[in-house]
């Protein structure tokens, strides 16, 4: 039950964004693609960051703060850039929803890895922070990035 706190908030928020979209221009197929790309980008980020950590030879804390976020955001952005260039995203609200979906896929896969690796930890606070903090941050950061790319800033 405690583990649900790490997975549900971001999922519920994505469903809410989709359902509350008045214009209903977000296509389910592209939403699914965005979610899947988020998962794929998390896997790619794992391998990318593993390689980069060897190259930069930094401690985990420094690497996690200054290097990993850039590689993760670039990987998450790829599908958004592709959809914008193919004119699949036309409105800001669509960019927000698709971007949040990419971040959701990333966050869900990241949290599932943590759930597996830290399965013996039953501290509810950890899973609440992962679910309401880090997971929503991934969705929000990618949604903001998608909006910025759409605006051409």
Protein backbone atom coordinates (compact mmCIF):
# COMPACT_ATOMS: atom_id res chain seq x y z
CA UNK A 1 0.00 0.00 0.00
CA UNK A 2 2.78 2.44 0.87
CA UNK A 3 4.36 1.84 -2.52
CA UNK A 4 1.28 3.21 -4.26
CA UNK A 5 2.30 6.67 -3.06
CA UNK A 6 5.31 6.53 -5.38
CA UNK A 7 3.28 5.61 -8.48
CA UNK A 8 -0.23 7.01 -8.16
CA UNK A 9 0.17 10.80 -7.86
CA UNK A 10 1.84 11.32 -11.22
CA UNK A 11 -0.49 8.85 -12.94
CA UNK A 12 -3.62 10.44 -11.49
CA UNK A 13 -2.37 13.91 -12.45
CA UNK A 14 -1.74 12.82 -16.05
CA UNK A 15 -5.23 11.30 -16.30
CA UNK A 16 -6.64 14.52 -14.85
CA UNK A 17 -4.79 16.66 -17.40
CA UNK A 18 -6.14 14.50 -20.20
CA UNK A 19 -9.72 14.48 -18.90
CA UNK A 20 -9.84 18.21 -18.13
CA UNK A 21 -8.57 19.21 -21.58
CA UNK A 22 -11.57 21.09 -23.00
CA UNK A 23 -10.39 21.04 -26.60
CA UNK A 24 -9.79 17.25 -26.74
CA UNK A 25 -7.05 17.62 -29.37
CA UNK A 26 -4.63 15.28 -27.60
CA UNK A 27 -4.59 12.00 -29.48
CA UNK A 28 -4.56 8.84 -27.38
CA UNK A 29 -1.99 7.24 -29.68
CA UNK A 30 0.44 10.15 -29.23
CA UNK A 31 -0.26 10.19 -25.51
CA UNK A 32 0.64 6.49 -25.35
CA UNK A 33 3.73 7.13 -27.48
CA UNK A 34 4.76 9.91 -25.08
CA UNK A 35 4.30 7.67 -22.05
CA UNK A 36 6.26 4.85 -23.71
CA UNK A 37 9.02 7.25 -24.74
CA UNK A 38 9.30 8.33 -21.11
CA UNK A 39 9.93 4.72 -20.14
CA UNK A 40 12.43 4.24 -22.99
CA UNK A 41 14.21 7.47 -22.10
CA UNK A 42 14.58 6.30 -18.49
CA UNK A 43 16.27 3.11 -19.70
CA UNK A 44 18.49 5.09 -22.07
CA UNK A 45 19.30 7.57 -19.28
CA UNK A 46 20.43 4.72 -17.05
CA UNK A 47 22.98 3.56 -19.62
CA UNK A 48 23.94 7.09 -20.67
CA UNK A 49 24.48 8.21 -17.11
CA UNK A 50 26.44 5.06 -16.30
CA UNK A 51 28.80 5.83 -19.17
CA UNK A 52 29.03 9.53 -18.37
CA UNK A 53 29.76 8.85 -14.70
CA UNK A 54 32.80 6.82 -15.75
CA UNK A 55 33.97 9.56 -18.11
CA UNK A 56 33.54 12.41 -15.63
CA UNK A 57 34.65 10.32 -12.65
CA UNK A 58 32.61 12.34 -10.15
CA UNK A 59 31.02 11.23 -6.92
CA UNK A 60 27.37 10.21 -7.18
CA UNK A 61 26.04 13.31 -5.42
CA UNK A 62 27.84 15.76 -7.73
CA UNK A 63 27.01 13.75 -10.84
CA UNK A 64 23.32 13.51 -9.86
CA UNK A 65 23.09 17.28 -9.40
CA UNK A 66 25.11 18.61 -12.33
CA UNK A 67 25.33 16.04 -15.13
CA UNK A 68 22.46 13.55 -14.98
CA UNK A 69 19.63 16.13 -15.22
CA UNK A 70 20.93 17.41 -18.57
CA UNK A 71 21.18 13.96 -20.15
CA UNK A 72 17.78 12.95 -18.78
CA UNK A 73 16.02 16.11 -20.00
CA UNK A 74 17.62 15.84 -23.45
CA UNK A 75 16.47 12.24 -23.77
CA UNK A 76 12.94 13.08 -22.63
CA UNK A 77 12.80 16.02 -25.06
CA UNK A 78 13.53 13.99 -28.17
CA UNK A 79 9.97 12.80 -28.75
CA UNK A 80 8.56 16.26 -28.02
CA UNK A 81 10.92 17.87 -30.52
CA UNK A 82 9.91 15.23 -33.06
CA UNK A 83 6.20 15.80 -32.52
CA UNK A 84 6.59 19.58 -32.77
CA UNK A 85 8.65 19.32 -35.96
CA UNK A 86 6.01 17.02 -37.49
CA UNK A 87 3.33 19.51 -36.41
CA UNK A 88 1.59 17.02 -34.12
CA UNK A 89 1.52 19.59 -31.31
CA UNK A 90 -0.13 22.91 -32.04
CA UNK A 91 -1.34 24.33 -28.76
CA UNK A 92 0.35 24.97 -25.45
CA UNK A 93 -2.07 22.77 -23.52
CA UNK A 94 -1.25 19.87 -25.85
CA UNK A 95 2.48 20.40 -25.29
CA UNK A 96 1.89 20.38 -21.52
CA UNK A 97 -0.07 17.11 -21.65
CA UNK A 98 2.34 15.31 -23.97
CA UNK A 99 5.34 16.60 -22.01
CA UNK A 100 3.82 15.55 -18.72
CA UNK A 101 3.14 12.10 -20.22
CA UNK A 102 6.81 11.71 -21.14
CA UNK A 103 7.81 12.74 -17.63
CA UNK A 104 5.23 10.35 -16.19
CA UNK A 105 6.68 7.40 -18.09
CA UNK A 106 10.16 8.35 -16.93
CA UNK A 107 9.05 8.76 -13.32
CA UNK A 108 7.08 5.52 -13.21
CA UNK A 109 9.98 3.48 -14.54
CA UNK A 110 12.44 5.23 -12.21
CA UNK A 111 10.20 4.64 -9.19
CA UNK A 112 9.65 1.00 -10.14
CA UNK A 113 13.42 0.52 -10.14
CA UNK A 114 13.66 2.16 -6.72
CA UNK A 115 10.78 0.02 -5.45
CA UNK A 116 12.63 -3.07 -6.60
CA UNK A 117 16.01 -1.98 -5.21
CA UNK A 118 14.62 -0.68 -1.91
CA UNK A 119 11.85 -3.22 -1.37
CA UNK A 120 12.92 -3.81 2.21
CA UNK A 121 12.42 -0.15 3.12
CA UNK A 122 8.92 0.43 4.42
CA UNK A 123 9.31 4.09 5.33
CA UNK A 124 6.17 5.77 4.00
CA UNK A 125 7.88 9.17 3.85
CA UNK A 126 10.34 7.97 1.18
CA UNK A 127 7.58 6.77 -1.10
CA UNK A 128 5.46 9.90 -0.56
CA UNK A 129 8.43 12.11 -1.47
CA UNK A 130 9.18 9.98 -4.53
CA UNK A 131 5.54 10.09 -5.63
CA UNK A 132 4.57 13.67 -4.86
CA UNK A 133 8.02 15.20 -5.29
CA UNK A 134 10.35 13.57 -7.76
CA UNK A 135 7.68 11.98 -9.97
CA UNK A 136 5.68 15.19 -10.36
CA UNK A 137 8.95 17.07 -10.93
CA UNK A 138 9.79 14.84 -13.91
CA UNK A 139 6.36 15.42 -15.41
CA UNK A 140 6.40 19.13 -14.71
CA UNK A 141 9.94 19.70 -16.01
CA UNK A 142 9.17 17.95 -19.28
CA UNK A 143 5.86 19.79 -19.63
CA UNK A 144 7.66 23.12 -19.18
CA UNK A 145 10.33 22.11 -21.66
CA UNK A 146 7.68 21.07 -24.20
CA UNK A 147 5.98 24.44 -23.82
CA UNK A 148 9.26 26.30 -24.31
CA UNK A 149 10.08 24.29 -27.43
CA UNK A 150 6.59 24.87 -28.84
CA UNK A 151 6.89 28.61 -28.28
CA UNK A 152 10.25 28.57 -30.02
CA UNK A 153 11.99 30.37 -27.20
